[in-house]
């Protein structure tokens, strides 16, 4: 009788910058935040600053595929 050899499955490391910048919505869409919110905002109008807080849906199958590869355990929140 031969014993079955267990094949070890490896955990993938999450790219932390990707997991902080992107997230999945309840419907499964991938969304991102806008950049340019940290400094040099003194002269920008209030409307422009308000628009920076919006989440944008990521479009492009290649980009979505890359993000899913970098953050394999990204969950819907």
N, C-alpha and C. Protein backbone atom coordinates (compact mmCIF):
# COMPACT_ATOMS: atom_id res chain seq x y z
N UNK A 1 0.83 -1.19 0.00
CA UNK A 1 0.00 0.00 0.00
C UNK A 1 0.88 1.25 0.00
N UNK A 2 0.61 2.13 -0.93
CA UNK A 2 1.40 3.36 -0.99
C UNK A 2 0.61 4.50 -0.35
N UNK A 3 1.33 5.32 0.33
CA UNK A 3 0.70 6.48 0.98
C UNK A 3 0.61 7.63 -0.01
N UNK A 4 -0.47 8.39 0.10
CA UNK A 4 -0.61 9.57 -0.75
C UNK A 4 0.25 10.70 -0.20
N UNK A 5 0.99 11.33 -1.06
CA UNK A 5 1.82 12.46 -0.67
C UNK A 5 0.99 13.73 -0.79
N UNK A 6 0.92 14.49 0.29
CA UNK A 6 0.16 15.73 0.27
C UNK A 6 0.96 16.82 -0.42
N UNK A 7 0.33 17.48 -1.34
CA UNK A 7 0.97 18.60 -2.03
C UNK A 7 0.61 19.86 -1.28
N UNK A 8 1.64 20.61 -0.90
CA UNK A 8 1.43 21.82 -0.12
C UNK A 8 0.96 22.95 -1.03
N UNK A 9 -0.10 23.63 -0.64
CA UNK A 9 -0.59 24.78 -1.39
C UNK A 9 -0.07 26.05 -0.72
N UNK A 10 0.42 26.95 -1.52
CA UNK A 10 1.06 28.14 -0.99
C UNK A 10 0.09 29.30 -0.90
N UNK A 11 0.29 30.12 0.11
CA UNK A 11 -0.48 31.35 0.25
C UNK A 11 0.18 32.42 -0.61
N UNK A 12 -0.65 33.25 -1.21
CA UNK A 12 -0.13 34.34 -2.02
C UNK A 12 -0.07 35.60 -1.18
N UNK A 13 0.97 36.38 -1.39
CA UNK A 13 1.09 37.63 -0.64
C UNK A 13 0.28 38.72 -1.35
N UNK A 14 -0.44 39.50 -0.55
CA UNK A 14 -1.23 40.61 -1.07
C UNK A 14 -0.34 41.84 -1.23
N UNK A 15 -0.46 42.51 -2.37
CA UNK A 15 0.24 43.77 -2.59
C UNK A 15 -0.51 44.84 -1.82
N UNK A 16 0.08 45.32 -0.73
CA UNK A 16 -0.63 46.17 0.23
C UNK A 16 -1.07 47.50 -0.36
N UNK A 17 -0.27 48.09 -1.24
CA UNK A 17 -0.67 49.37 -1.84
C UNK A 17 -1.93 49.19 -2.69
N UNK A 18 -2.03 48.06 -3.38
CA UNK A 18 -3.22 47.78 -4.18
C UNK A 18 -4.44 47.59 -3.31
N UNK A 19 -4.29 46.86 -2.21
CA UNK A 19 -5.43 46.60 -1.34
C UNK A 19 -5.94 47.86 -0.66
N UNK A 20 -5.06 48.85 -0.48
CA UNK A 20 -5.48 50.10 0.13
C UNK A 20 -6.14 51.04 -0.87
N UNK A 21 -5.78 50.94 -2.15
CA UNK A 21 -6.29 51.86 -3.16
C UNK A 21 -7.59 51.41 -3.81
N UNK A 22 -7.83 50.10 -3.85
CA UNK A 22 -9.00 49.57 -4.55
C UNK A 22 -9.86 48.78 -3.59
N UNK A 23 -11.16 48.67 -3.92
CA UNK A 23 -12.05 47.78 -3.16
C UNK A 23 -13.20 47.34 -4.04
N UNK A 24 -13.85 46.26 -3.64
CA UNK A 24 -14.98 45.73 -4.38
C UNK A 24 -16.28 46.20 -3.76
N UNK A 25 -17.24 46.56 -4.60
CA UNK A 25 -18.55 46.95 -4.09
C UNK A 25 -19.39 45.68 -3.87
N UNK A 26 -20.56 45.86 -3.34
CA UNK A 26 -21.45 44.72 -3.09
C UNK A 26 -21.85 44.00 -4.36
N UNK A 27 -21.96 44.74 -5.45
CA UNK A 27 -22.34 44.13 -6.73
C UNK A 27 -21.15 43.52 -7.45
N UNK A 28 -19.94 43.69 -6.89
CA UNK A 28 -18.75 43.07 -7.49
C UNK A 28 -17.94 43.99 -8.38
N UNK A 29 -18.30 45.28 -8.44
CA UNK A 29 -17.53 46.22 -9.25
C UNK A 29 -16.27 46.62 -8.50
N UNK A 30 -15.20 46.86 -9.24
CA UNK A 30 -13.94 47.30 -8.66
C UNK A 30 -13.90 48.82 -8.71
N UNK A 31 -13.71 49.48 -7.56
CA UNK A 31 -13.69 50.94 -7.52
C UNK A 31 -12.38 51.44 -6.93
N UNK A 32 -12.05 52.67 -7.28
CA UNK A 32 -10.82 53.29 -6.79
C UNK A 32 -11.10 54.72 -6.35
N UNK A 33 -10.17 55.27 -5.56
CA UNK A 33 -10.28 56.67 -5.15
C UNK A 33 -9.44 57.52 -6.09
N UNK A 34 -9.66 58.81 -6.04
CA UNK A 34 -8.87 59.73 -6.85
C UNK A 34 -7.63 60.15 -6.08
N UNK A 35 -6.59 60.49 -6.80
CA UNK A 35 -5.35 60.95 -6.18
C UNK A 35 -5.32 62.45 -6.04
N UNK A 36 -4.25 62.97 -5.44
CA UNK A 36 -4.08 64.41 -5.33
C UNK A 36 -4.85 65.03 -4.20
N UNK A 37 -5.03 64.30 -3.09
CA UNK A 37 -5.82 64.82 -1.98
C UNK A 37 -4.98 65.21 -0.78
N UNK A 38 -3.68 65.01 -0.86
CA UNK A 38 -2.89 65.19 0.36
C UNK A 38 -2.41 66.62 0.59
N UNK A 39 -1.87 67.28 -0.42
CA UNK A 39 -1.38 68.65 -0.21
C UNK A 39 -1.52 69.46 -1.48
N UNK A 40 -1.14 70.75 -1.43
CA UNK A 40 -1.32 71.72 -2.51
C UNK A 40 -2.81 71.90 -2.86
N UNK A 41 -3.65 72.00 -1.85
CA UNK A 41 -5.08 72.14 -2.11
C UNK A 41 -5.61 73.50 -1.70
N UNK A 42 -4.71 74.42 -1.39
CA UNK A 42 -5.15 75.72 -0.90
C UNK A 42 -5.90 76.52 -1.96
N UNK A 43 -5.38 76.47 -3.19
CA UNK A 43 -5.97 77.29 -4.24
C UNK A 43 -7.09 76.57 -5.01
N UNK A 44 -7.32 75.31 -4.71
CA UNK A 44 -8.37 74.58 -5.44
C UNK A 44 -9.75 74.96 -4.91
N UNK A 45 -10.72 74.95 -5.81
CA UNK A 45 -12.08 75.33 -5.41
C UNK A 45 -12.71 74.23 -4.56
N UNK A 46 -13.73 74.62 -3.81
CA UNK A 46 -14.41 73.65 -2.95
C UNK A 46 -15.07 72.55 -3.76
N UNK A 47 -15.57 72.92 -4.92
CA UNK A 47 -16.23 71.94 -5.79
C UNK A 47 -15.22 70.86 -6.25
N UNK A 48 -14.04 71.30 -6.63
CA UNK A 48 -13.01 70.37 -7.08
C UNK A 48 -12.59 69.45 -5.94
N UNK A 49 -12.45 70.01 -4.75
CA UNK A 49 -12.08 69.21 -3.58
C UNK A 49 -13.16 68.18 -3.26
N UNK A 50 -14.42 68.58 -3.41
CA UNK A 50 -15.53 67.66 -3.15
C UNK A 50 -15.55 66.52 -4.17
N UNK A 51 -15.20 66.85 -5.41
CA UNK A 51 -15.17 65.82 -6.46
C UNK A 51 -14.06 64.80 -6.25
N UNK A 52 -13.03 65.17 -5.50
CA UNK A 52 -11.91 64.24 -5.24
C UNK A 52 -12.31 63.08 -4.34
N UNK A 53 -13.40 63.24 -3.58
CA UNK A 53 -13.79 62.19 -2.64
C UNK A 53 -14.61 61.08 -3.30
N UNK A 54 -14.98 61.27 -4.58
CA UNK A 54 -15.77 60.27 -5.29
C UNK A 54 -14.97 59.00 -5.57
N UNK A 55 -15.69 57.88 -5.61
CA UNK A 55 -15.08 56.62 -6.02
C UNK A 55 -15.38 56.42 -7.51
N UNK A 56 -14.40 55.94 -8.25
CA UNK A 56 -14.55 55.74 -9.69
C UNK A 56 -14.51 54.25 -9.99
N UNK A 57 -15.39 53.79 -10.85
CA UNK A 57 -15.39 52.39 -11.26
C UNK A 57 -14.22 52.15 -12.20
N UNK A 58 -13.45 51.09 -11.94
CA UNK A 58 -12.31 50.75 -12.78
C UNK A 58 -12.82 50.03 -14.01
N UNK A 59 -12.43 50.53 -15.18
CA UNK A 59 -12.83 49.91 -16.44
C UNK A 59 -11.59 49.41 -17.15
N UNK A 60 -11.74 48.41 -17.94
CA UNK A 60 -10.61 47.80 -18.65
C UNK A 60 -10.32 46.43 -18.07
N UNK A 61 -10.49 45.41 -18.89
CA UNK A 61 -10.35 44.03 -18.38
C UNK A 61 -8.91 43.72 -17.95
N UNK A 62 -7.93 44.30 -18.67
CA UNK A 62 -6.53 44.06 -18.32
C UNK A 62 -6.16 44.62 -16.96
N UNK A 63 -6.68 45.80 -16.67
CA UNK A 63 -6.43 46.45 -15.39
C UNK A 63 -7.09 45.69 -14.24
N UNK A 64 -8.31 45.24 -14.46
CA UNK A 64 -9.02 44.47 -13.43
C UNK A 64 -8.30 43.16 -13.16
N UNK A 65 -7.82 42.52 -14.22
CA UNK A 65 -7.10 41.25 -14.08
C UNK A 65 -5.82 41.44 -13.27
N UNK A 66 -5.11 42.56 -13.53
CA UNK A 66 -3.87 42.84 -12.80
C UNK A 66 -4.13 43.10 -11.33
N UNK A 67 -5.18 43.85 -11.03
CA UNK A 67 -5.53 44.17 -9.64
C UNK A 67 -5.93 42.90 -8.89
N UNK A 68 -6.70 42.03 -9.55
CA UNK A 68 -7.08 40.77 -8.92
C UNK A 68 -5.88 39.88 -8.66
N UNK A 69 -4.87 39.96 -9.50
CA UNK A 69 -3.66 39.18 -9.29
C UNK A 69 -2.83 39.73 -8.12
N UNK A 70 -2.81 41.06 -7.99
CA UNK A 70 -2.04 41.69 -6.91
C UNK A 70 -2.72 41.55 -5.56
N UNK A 71 -4.05 41.54 -5.55
CA UNK A 71 -4.80 41.41 -4.29
C UNK A 71 -5.76 40.22 -4.42
N UNK A 72 -5.24 38.99 -4.29
CA UNK A 72 -6.07 37.82 -4.57
C UNK A 72 -7.18 37.56 -3.54
N UNK A 73 -7.03 38.08 -2.34
CA UNK A 73 -8.01 37.81 -1.29
C UNK A 73 -8.92 39.00 -1.02
N UNK A 74 -9.04 39.91 -2.00
CA UNK A 74 -9.88 41.09 -1.82
C UNK A 74 -11.34 40.66 -1.70
N UNK A 75 -11.98 41.08 -0.66
CA UNK A 75 -13.34 40.65 -0.38
C UNK A 75 -14.32 41.79 -0.64
N UNK A 76 -15.58 41.41 -0.84
CA UNK A 76 -16.64 42.41 -0.94
C UNK A 76 -16.94 42.92 0.45
N UNK A 77 -17.08 44.24 0.59
CA UNK A 77 -17.38 44.80 1.91
C UNK A 77 -18.75 45.41 1.91
